[in-house]
PDB file of all heavy atoms in Angstrom:
ATOM      1  N   SER A   1      36.140  32.834 198.274  1.00  0.00           N
ATOM      2  CA  SER A   1      35.642  33.870 197.367  1.00  0.00           C
ATOM      3  C   SER A   1      35.003  35.060 198.086  1.00  0.00           C
ATOM      4  O   SER A   1      34.763  36.091 197.463  1.00  0.00           O
ATOM      5  CB  SER A   1      34.635  33.279 196.377  1.00  0.00           C
ATOM      6  OG  SER A   1      33.528  32.726 197.059  1.00  0.00           O
ATOM      7  N   LEU A   2      34.730  34.933 199.365  1.00  0.00           N
ATOM      8  CA  LEU A   2      34.205  36.072 200.123  1.00  0.00           C
ATOM      9  C   LEU A   2      35.298  36.812 200.891  1.00  0.00           C
ATOM     10  O   LEU A   2      35.011  37.667 201.737  1.00  0.00           O
ATOM     11  CB  LEU A   2      33.066  35.634 201.056  1.00  0.00           C
ATOM     12  CG  LEU A   2      31.735  35.377 200.337  1.00  0.00           C
ATOM     13  CD1 LEU A   2      30.685  34.867 201.314  1.00  0.00           C
ATOM     14  CD2 LEU A   2      31.236  36.630 199.627  1.00  0.00           C
ATOM     15  N   GLY A   3      36.545  36.476 200.614  1.00  0.00           N
ATOM     16  CA  GLY A   3      37.668  37.281 201.067  1.00  0.00           C
ATOM     17  C   GLY A   3      37.660  37.647 202.542  1.00  0.00           C
ATOM     18  O   GLY A   3      37.584  36.773 203.409  1.00  0.00           O
ATOM     19  N   ARG A   4      37.760  38.953 202.818  1.00  0.00           N
ATOM     20  CA  ARG A   4      37.852  39.429 204.195  1.00  0.00           C
ATOM     21  C   ARG A   4      36.636  39.054 205.036  1.00  0.00           C
ATOM     22  O   ARG A   4      36.740  38.911 206.262  1.00  0.00           O
ATOM     23  CB  ARG A   4      38.021  40.962 204.222  1.00  0.00           C
ATOM     24  CG  ARG A   4      39.347  41.497 203.693  1.00  0.00           C
ATOM     25  CD  ARG A   4      40.498  41.228 204.635  1.00  0.00           C
ATOM     26  NE  ARG A   4      40.311  41.783 205.951  1.00  0.00           N
ATOM     27  CZ  ARG A   4      40.514  43.063 206.297  1.00  0.00           C
ATOM     28  NH1 ARG A   4      40.911  43.942 205.373  1.00  0.00           N
ATOM     29  NH2 ARG A   4      40.355  43.472 207.539  1.00  0.00           N
ATOM     30  N   LEU A   5      35.474  38.902 204.394  1.00  0.00           N
ATOM     31  CA  LEU A   5      34.286  38.501 205.154  1.00  0.00           C
ATOM     32  C   LEU A   5      34.509  37.160 205.842  1.00  0.00           C
ATOM     33  O   LEU A   5      34.050  36.947 206.979  1.00  0.00           O
ATOM     34  CB  LEU A   5      33.062  38.414 204.248  1.00  0.00           C
ATOM     35  CG  LEU A   5      32.529  39.718 203.659  1.00  0.00           C
ATOM     36  CD1 LEU A   5      31.279  39.447 202.843  1.00  0.00           C
ATOM     37  CD2 LEU A   5      32.236  40.746 204.742  1.00  0.00           C
ATOM     38  N   GLU A   6      35.213  36.269 205.179  1.00  0.00           N
ATOM     39  CA  GLU A   6      35.490  34.957 205.776  1.00  0.00           C
ATOM     40  C   GLU A   6      36.416  35.099 206.982  1.00  0.00           C
ATOM     41  O   GLU A   6      36.242  34.420 208.000  1.00  0.00           O
ATOM     42  CB  GLU A   6      36.093  34.036 204.720  1.00  0.00           C
ATOM     43  CG  GLU A   6      35.158  33.810 203.532  1.00  0.00           C
ATOM     44  CD  GLU A   6      35.677  32.792 202.539  1.00  0.00           C
ATOM     45  OE1 GLU A   6      36.588  32.004 202.900  1.00  0.00           O
ATOM     46  OE2 GLU A   6      35.174  32.768 201.395  1.00  0.00           O
ATOM     47  N   ASP A   7      37.393  35.994 206.880  1.00  0.00           N
ATOM     48  CA  ASP A   7      38.303  36.225 208.010  1.00  0.00           C
ATOM     49  C   ASP A   7      37.566  36.843 209.199  1.00  0.00           C
ATOM     50  O   ASP A   7      37.802  36.464 210.344  1.00  0.00           O
ATOM     51  CB  ASP A   7      39.442  37.147 207.585  1.00  0.00           C
ATOM     52  CG  ASP A   7      40.306  36.559 206.478  1.00  0.00           C
ATOM     53  OD1 ASP A   7      40.340  35.320 206.365  1.00  0.00           O
ATOM     54  OD2 ASP A   7      40.920  37.348 205.738  1.00  0.00           O
ATOM     55  N   ILE A   8      36.685  37.791 208.907  1.00  0.00           N
ATOM     56  CA  ILE A   8      35.931  38.445 209.982  1.00  0.00           C
ATOM     57  C   ILE A   8      35.013  37.439 210.671  1.00  0.00           C
ATOM     58  O   ILE A   8      34.926  37.393 211.906  1.00  0.00           O
ATOM     59  CB  ILE A   8      35.114  39.623 209.425  1.00  0.00           C
ATOM     60  CG1 ILE A   8      36.037  40.734 208.925  1.00  0.00           C
ATOM     61  CG2 ILE A   8      34.174  40.187 210.489  1.00  0.00           C
ATOM     62  CD1 ILE A   8      35.335  41.759 208.044  1.00  0.00           C
ATOM     63  N   ALA A   9      34.323  36.638 209.880  1.00  0.00           N
ATOM     64  CA  ALA A   9      33.431  35.630 210.465  1.00  0.00           C
ATOM     65  C   ALA A   9      34.209  34.667 211.342  1.00  0.00           C
ATOM     66  O   ALA A   9      33.765  34.300 212.444  1.00  0.00           O
ATOM     67  CB  ALA A   9      32.702  34.876 209.350  1.00  0.00           C
ATOM     68  N   THR A  10      35.381  34.257 210.871  1.00  0.00           N
ATOM     69  CA  THR A  10      36.215  33.344 211.661  1.00  0.00           C
ATOM     70  C   THR A  10      36.648  33.999 212.962  1.00  0.00           C
ATOM     71  O   THR A  10      36.576  33.378 214.040  1.00  0.00           O
ATOM     72  CB  THR A  10      37.449  32.923 210.846  1.00  0.00           C
ATOM     73  OG1 THR A  10      37.025  32.265 209.643  1.00  0.00           O
ATOM     74  CG2 THR A  10      38.345  31.986 211.642  1.00  0.00           C
ATOM     75  N   GLN A  11      37.104  35.243 212.896  1.00  0.00           N
ATOM     76  CA  GLN A  11      37.552  35.946 214.100  1.00  0.00           C
ATOM     77  C   GLN A  11      36.431  36.059 215.127  1.00  0.00           C
ATOM     78  O   GLN A  11      36.635  35.785 216.326  1.00  0.00           O
ATOM     79  CB  GLN A  11      38.069  37.342 213.742  1.00  0.00           C
ATOM     80  CG  GLN A  11      38.571  38.129 214.959  1.00  0.00           C
ATOM     81  CD  GLN A  11      39.023  39.525 214.590  1.00  0.00           C
ATOM     82  OE1 GLN A  11      38.940  39.951 213.435  1.00  0.00           O
ATOM     83  NE2 GLN A  11      39.492  40.268 215.579  1.00  0.00           N
ATOM     84  N   ILE A  12      35.241  36.454 214.681  1.00  0.00           N
ATOM     85  CA  ILE A  12      34.134  36.634 215.625  1.00  0.00           C
ATOM     86  C   ILE A  12      33.689  35.292 216.206  1.00  0.00           C
ATOM     87  O   ILE A  12      33.393  35.173 217.402  1.00  0.00           O
ATOM     88  CB  ILE A  12      32.974  37.374 214.944  1.00  0.00           C
ATOM     89  CG1 ILE A  12      33.408  38.816 214.622  1.00  0.00           C
ATOM     90  CG2 ILE A  12      31.728  37.389 215.831  1.00  0.00           C
ATOM     91  CD1 ILE A  12      32.430  39.602 213.785  1.00  0.00           C
ATOM     92  N   ALA A  13      33.655  34.261 215.389  1.00  0.00           N
ATOM     93  CA  ALA A  13      33.297  32.931 215.888  1.00  0.00           C
ATOM     94  C   ALA A  13      34.306  32.452 216.926  1.00  0.00           C
ATOM     95  O   ALA A  13      33.933  31.819 217.926  1.00  0.00           O
ATOM     96  CB  ALA A  13      33.211  31.944 214.726  1.00  0.00           C
ATOM     97  N   LEU A  14      35.579  32.756 216.722  1.00  0.00           N
ATOM     98  CA  LEU A  14      36.600  32.377 217.707  1.00  0.00           C
ATOM     99  C   LEU A  14      36.465  33.197 218.992  1.00  0.00           C
ATOM    100  O   LEU A  14      36.622  32.658 220.095  1.00  0.00           O
ATOM    101  CB  LEU A  14      37.994  32.559 217.111  1.00  0.00           C
ATOM    102  CG  LEU A  14      38.408  31.541 216.047  1.00  0.00           C
ATOM    103  CD1 LEU A  14      39.738  31.929 215.425  1.00  0.00           C
ATOM    104  CD2 LEU A  14      38.489  30.131 216.634  1.00  0.00           C
ATOM    105  N   ILE A  15      36.194  34.493 218.869  1.00  0.00           N
ATOM    106  CA  ILE A  15      36.004  35.318 220.069  1.00  0.00           C
ATOM    107  C   ILE A  15      34.861  34.759 220.899  1.00  0.00           C
ATOM    108  O   ILE A  15      34.962  34.642 222.125  1.00  0.00           O
ATOM    109  CB  ILE A  15      35.732  36.785 219.678  1.00  0.00           C
ATOM    110  CG1 ILE A  15      36.998  37.434 219.099  1.00  0.00           C
ATOM    111  CG2 ILE A  15      35.240  37.589 220.881  1.00  0.00           C
ATOM    112  CD1 ILE A  15      36.752  38.784 218.461  1.00  0.00           C
ATOM    113  N   GLN A  16      33.765  34.382 220.226  1.00  0.00           N
ATOM    114  CA  GLN A  16      32.583  33.890 220.947  1.00  0.00           C
ATOM    115  C   GLN A  16      32.603  32.386 221.167  1.00  0.00           C
ATOM    116  O   GLN A  16      31.720  31.849 221.848  1.00  0.00           O
ATOM    117  CB  GLN A  16      31.317  34.307 220.198  1.00  0.00           C
ATOM    118  CG  GLN A  16      31.152  35.825 220.132  1.00  0.00           C
ATOM    119  CD  GLN A  16      29.823  36.264 219.537  1.00  0.00           C
ATOM    120  OE1 GLN A  16      28.942  35.450 219.227  1.00  0.00           O
ATOM    121  NE2 GLN A  16      29.655  37.565 219.395  1.00  0.00           N
ATOM    122  N   GLN A  17      33.600  31.707 220.583  1.00  0.00           N
ATOM    123  CA  GLN A  17      33.764  30.258 220.746  1.00  0.00           C
ATOM    124  C   GLN A  17      32.506  29.483 220.376  1.00  0.00           C
ATOM    125  O   GLN A  17      31.999  28.633 221.113  1.00  0.00           O
ATOM    126  CB  GLN A  17      34.194  29.936 222.184  1.00  0.00           C
ATOM    127  CG  GLN A  17      35.622  30.335 222.506  1.00  0.00           C
ATOM    128  CD  GLN A  17      36.652  29.493 221.750  1.00  0.00           C
ATOM    129  OE1 GLN A  17      36.828  28.308 222.012  1.00  0.00           O
ATOM    130  NE2 GLN A  17      37.328  30.124 220.780  1.00  0.00           N
ATOM    131  N   THR A  18      32.006  29.792 219.172  1.00  0.00           N
ATOM    132  CA  THR A  18      30.812  29.124 218.679  1.00  0.00           C
ATOM    133  C   THR A  18      30.794  29.174 217.161  1.00  0.00           C
ATOM    134  O   THR A  18      31.343  30.098 216.552  1.00  0.00           O
ATOM    135  CB  THR A  18      29.528  29.778 219.231  1.00  0.00           C
ATOM    136  OG1 THR A  18      28.382  29.139 218.659  1.00  0.00           O
ATOM    137  CG2 THR A  18      29.484  31.264 218.919  1.00  0.00           C
ATOM    138  N   LEU A  19      30.140  28.180 216.543  1.00  0.00           N
ATOM    139  CA  LEU A  19      29.947  28.193 215.094  1.00  0.00           C
ATOM    140  C   LEU A  19      28.756  29.053 214.686  1.00  0.00           C
ATOM    141  O   LEU A  19      28.509  29.256 213.498  1.00  0.00           O
ATOM    142  CB  LEU A  19      29.741  26.766 214.577  1.00  0.00           C
ATOM    143  CG  LEU A  19      30.915  25.797 214.759  1.00  0.00           C
ATOM    144  CD1 LEU A  19      30.560  24.415 214.222  1.00  0.00           C
ATOM    145  CD2 LEU A  19      32.169  26.323 214.079  1.00  0.00           C
ATOM    146  N   THR A  20      28.015  29.545 215.666  1.00  0.00           N
ATOM    147  CA  THR A  20      26.852  30.393 215.385  1.00  0.00           C
ATOM    148  C   THR A  20      26.940  31.682 216.207  1.00  0.00           C
ATOM    149  O   THR A  20      26.177  31.895 217.151  1.00  0.00           O
ATOM    150  CB  THR A  20      25.536  29.658 215.698  1.00  0.00           C
ATOM    151  OG1 THR A  20      25.576  29.183 217.065  1.00  0.00           O
ATOM    152  CG2 THR A  20      25.321  28.481 214.755  1.00  0.00           C
ATOM    153  N   PRO A  21      27.885  32.552 215.889  1.00  0.00           N
ATOM    154  CA  PRO A  21      28.049  33.787 216.667  1.00  0.00           C
ATOM    155  C   PRO A  21      26.874  34.739 216.455  1.00  0.00           C
ATOM    156  O   PRO A  21      26.099  34.611 215.495  1.00  0.00           O
ATOM    157  CB  PRO A  21      29.344  34.387 216.111  1.00  0.00           C
ATOM    158  CG  PRO A  21      29.428  33.858 214.720  1.00  0.00           C
ATOM    159  CD  PRO A  21      28.843  32.475 214.771  1.00  0.00           C
ATOM    160  N   ALA A  22      26.750  35.697 217.364  1.00  0.00           N
ATOM    161  CA  ALA A  22      25.657  36.676 217.295  1.00  0.00           C
ATOM    162  C   ALA A  22      26.179  38.054 217.676  1.00  0.00           C
ATOM    163  O   ALA A  22      26.890  38.205 218.677  1.00  0.00           O
ATOM    164  CB  ALA A  22      24.517  36.262 218.225  1.00  0.00           C
ATOM    165  N   LEU A  23      25.831  39.044 216.897  1.00  0.00           N
ATOM    166  CA  LEU A  23      26.183  40.439 217.203  1.00  0.00           C
ATOM    167  C   LEU A  23      24.971  41.073 217.889  1.00  0.00           C
ATOM    168  O   LEU A  23      24.150  41.738 217.258  1.00  0.00           O
ATOM    169  CB  LEU A  23      26.565  41.187 215.925  1.00  0.00           C
ATOM    170  CG  LEU A  23      27.709  40.576 215.114  1.00  0.00           C
ATOM    171  CD1 LEU A  23      28.043  41.441 213.912  1.00  0.00           C
ATOM    172  CD2 LEU A  23      28.945  40.363 215.984  1.00  0.00           C
ATOM    173  N   SER A  24      24.869  40.835 219.173  1.00  0.00           N
ATOM    174  CA  SER A  24      23.682  41.226 219.924  1.00  0.00           C
ATOM    175  C   SER A  24      23.827  42.628 220.510  1.00  0.00           C
ATOM    176  O   SER A  24      24.896  43.001 220.994  1.00  0.00           O
ATOM    177  CB  SER A  24      23.437  40.233 221.071  1.00  0.00           C
ATOM    178  OG  SER A  24      23.364  38.915 220.584  1.00  0.00           O
ATOM    179  N   ASN A  25      22.742  43.392 220.452  1.00  0.00           N
ATOM    180  CA  ASN A  25      22.653  44.712 221.083  1.00  0.00           C
ATOM    181  C   ASN A  25      23.915  45.555 220.829  1.00  0.00           C
ATOM    182  O   ASN A  25      24.569  46.031 221.763  1.00  0.00           O
ATOM    183  CB  ASN A  25      22.418  44.553 222.590  1.00  0.00           C
ATOM    184  CG  ASN A  25      21.876  45.818 223.240  1.00  0.00           C
ATOM    185  OD1 ASN A  25      21.401  46.721 222.561  1.00  0.00           O
ATOM    186  ND2 ASN A  25      21.962  45.888 224.558  1.00  0.00           N
ATOM    187  N   PRO A  26      24.299  45.753 219.577  1.00  0.00           N
ATOM    188  CA  PRO A  26      25.548  46.468 219.280  1.00  0.00           C
ATOM    189  C   PRO A  26      25.503  47.920 219.742  1.00  0.00           C
ATOM    190  O   PRO A  26      24.467  48.580 219.646  1.00  0.00           O
ATOM    191  CB  PRO A  26      25.645  46.373 217.758  1.00  0.00           C
ATOM    192  CG  PRO A  26      24.224  46.233 217.299  1.00  0.00           C
ATOM    193  CD  PRO A  26      23.541  45.411 218.358  1.00  0.00           C
ATOM    194  N   HIS A  27      26.642  48.406 220.224  1.00  0.00           N
ATOM    195  CA  HIS A  27      26.737  49.770 220.757  1.00  0.00           C
ATOM    196  C   HIS A  27      27.948  50.505 220.200  1.00  0.00           C
ATOM    197  O   HIS A  27      28.987  49.894 219.942  1.00  0.00           O
ATOM    198  CB  HIS A  27      26.876  49.739 222.286  1.00  0.00           C
ATOM    199  CG  HIS A  27      25.583  49.683 223.029  1.00  0.00           C
ATOM    200  ND1 HIS A  27      24.813  48.546 223.090  1.00  0.00           N
ATOM    201  CD2 HIS A  27      24.928  50.627 223.762  1.00  0.00           C
ATOM    202  CE1 HIS A  27      23.738  48.785 223.831  1.00  0.00           C
ATOM    203  NE2 HIS A  27      23.781  50.046 224.241  1.00  0.00           N
ATOM    204  N   ILE A  28      27.811  51.808 220.075  1.00  0.00           N
ATOM    205  CA  ILE A  28      28.940  52.719 219.933  1.00  0.00           C
ATOM    206  C   ILE A  28      28.961  53.596 221.181  1.00  0.00           C
ATOM    207  O   ILE A  28      27.943  54.200 221.534  1.00  0.00           O
ATOM    208  CB  ILE A  28      28.828  53.613 218.680  1.00  0.00           C
ATOM    209  CG1 ILE A  28      28.751  52.787 217.406  1.00  0.00           C
ATOM    210  CG2 ILE A  28      29.995  54.613 218.631  1.00  0.00           C
ATOM    211  CD1 ILE A  28      30.041  52.138 216.975  1.00  0.00           C
ATOM    212  N   LEU A  29      30.107  53.648 221.853  1.00  0.00           N
ATOM    213  CA  LEU A  29      30.280  54.470 223.047  1.00  0.00           C
ATOM    214  C   LEU A  29      31.217  55.622 222.696  1.00  0.00           C
ATOM    215  O   LEU A  29      32.351  55.395 222.273  1.00  0.00           O
ATOM    216  CB  LEU A  29      30.878  53.639 224.187  1.00  0.00           C
ATOM    217  CG  LEU A  29      30.174  52.313 224.515  1.00  0.00           C
ATOM    218  CD1 LEU A  29      30.883  51.620 225.674  1.00  0.00           C
ATOM    219  CD2 LEU A  29      28.702  52.529 224.829  1.00  0.00           C
ATOM    220  N   VAL A  30      30.735  56.846 222.853  1.00  0.00           N
ATOM    221  CA  VAL A  30      31.528  58.031 222.537  1.00  0.00           C
ATOM    222  C   VAL A  30      31.882  58.747 223.839  1.00  0.00           C
ATOM    223  O   VAL A  30      30.994  59.173 224.577  1.00  0.00           O
ATOM    224  CB  VAL A  30      30.768  58.985 221.593  1.00  0.00           C
ATOM    225  CG1 VAL A  30      31.588  60.250 221.335  1.00  0.00           C
ATOM    226  CG2 VAL A  30      30.436  58.295 220.280  1.00  0.00           C
ATOM    227  N   PHE A  31      33.172  58.859 224.110  1.00  0.00           N
ATOM    228  CA  PHE A  31      33.657  59.525 225.318  1.00  0.00           C
ATOM    229  C   PHE A  31      34.152  60.924 224.948  1.00  0.00           C
ATOM    230  O   PHE A  31      34.846  61.099 223.946  1.00  0.00           O
ATOM    231  CB  PHE A  31      34.788  58.721 225.955  1.00  0.00           C
ATOM    232  CG  PHE A  31      34.342  57.384 226.473  1.00  0.00           C
ATOM    233  CD1 PHE A  31      34.417  56.248 225.667  1.00  0.00           C
ATOM    234  CD2 PHE A  31      33.840  57.248 227.751  1.00  0.00           C
ATOM    235  CE1 PHE A  31      34.002  55.010 226.136  1.00  0.00           C
ATOM    236  CE2 PHE A  31      33.415  56.019 228.233  1.00  0.00           C
ATOM    237  CZ  PHE A  31      33.496  54.905 227.423  1.00  0.00           C
TER     238      PHE A  31
END
């Protein structure tokens, strides 16, 4: 029922290989 949010959470958890991922110190880099 949370649609794309569930897909995003799954993707990030897989990237970080953990069931408790963290978006730490987020940055935008403009070149």
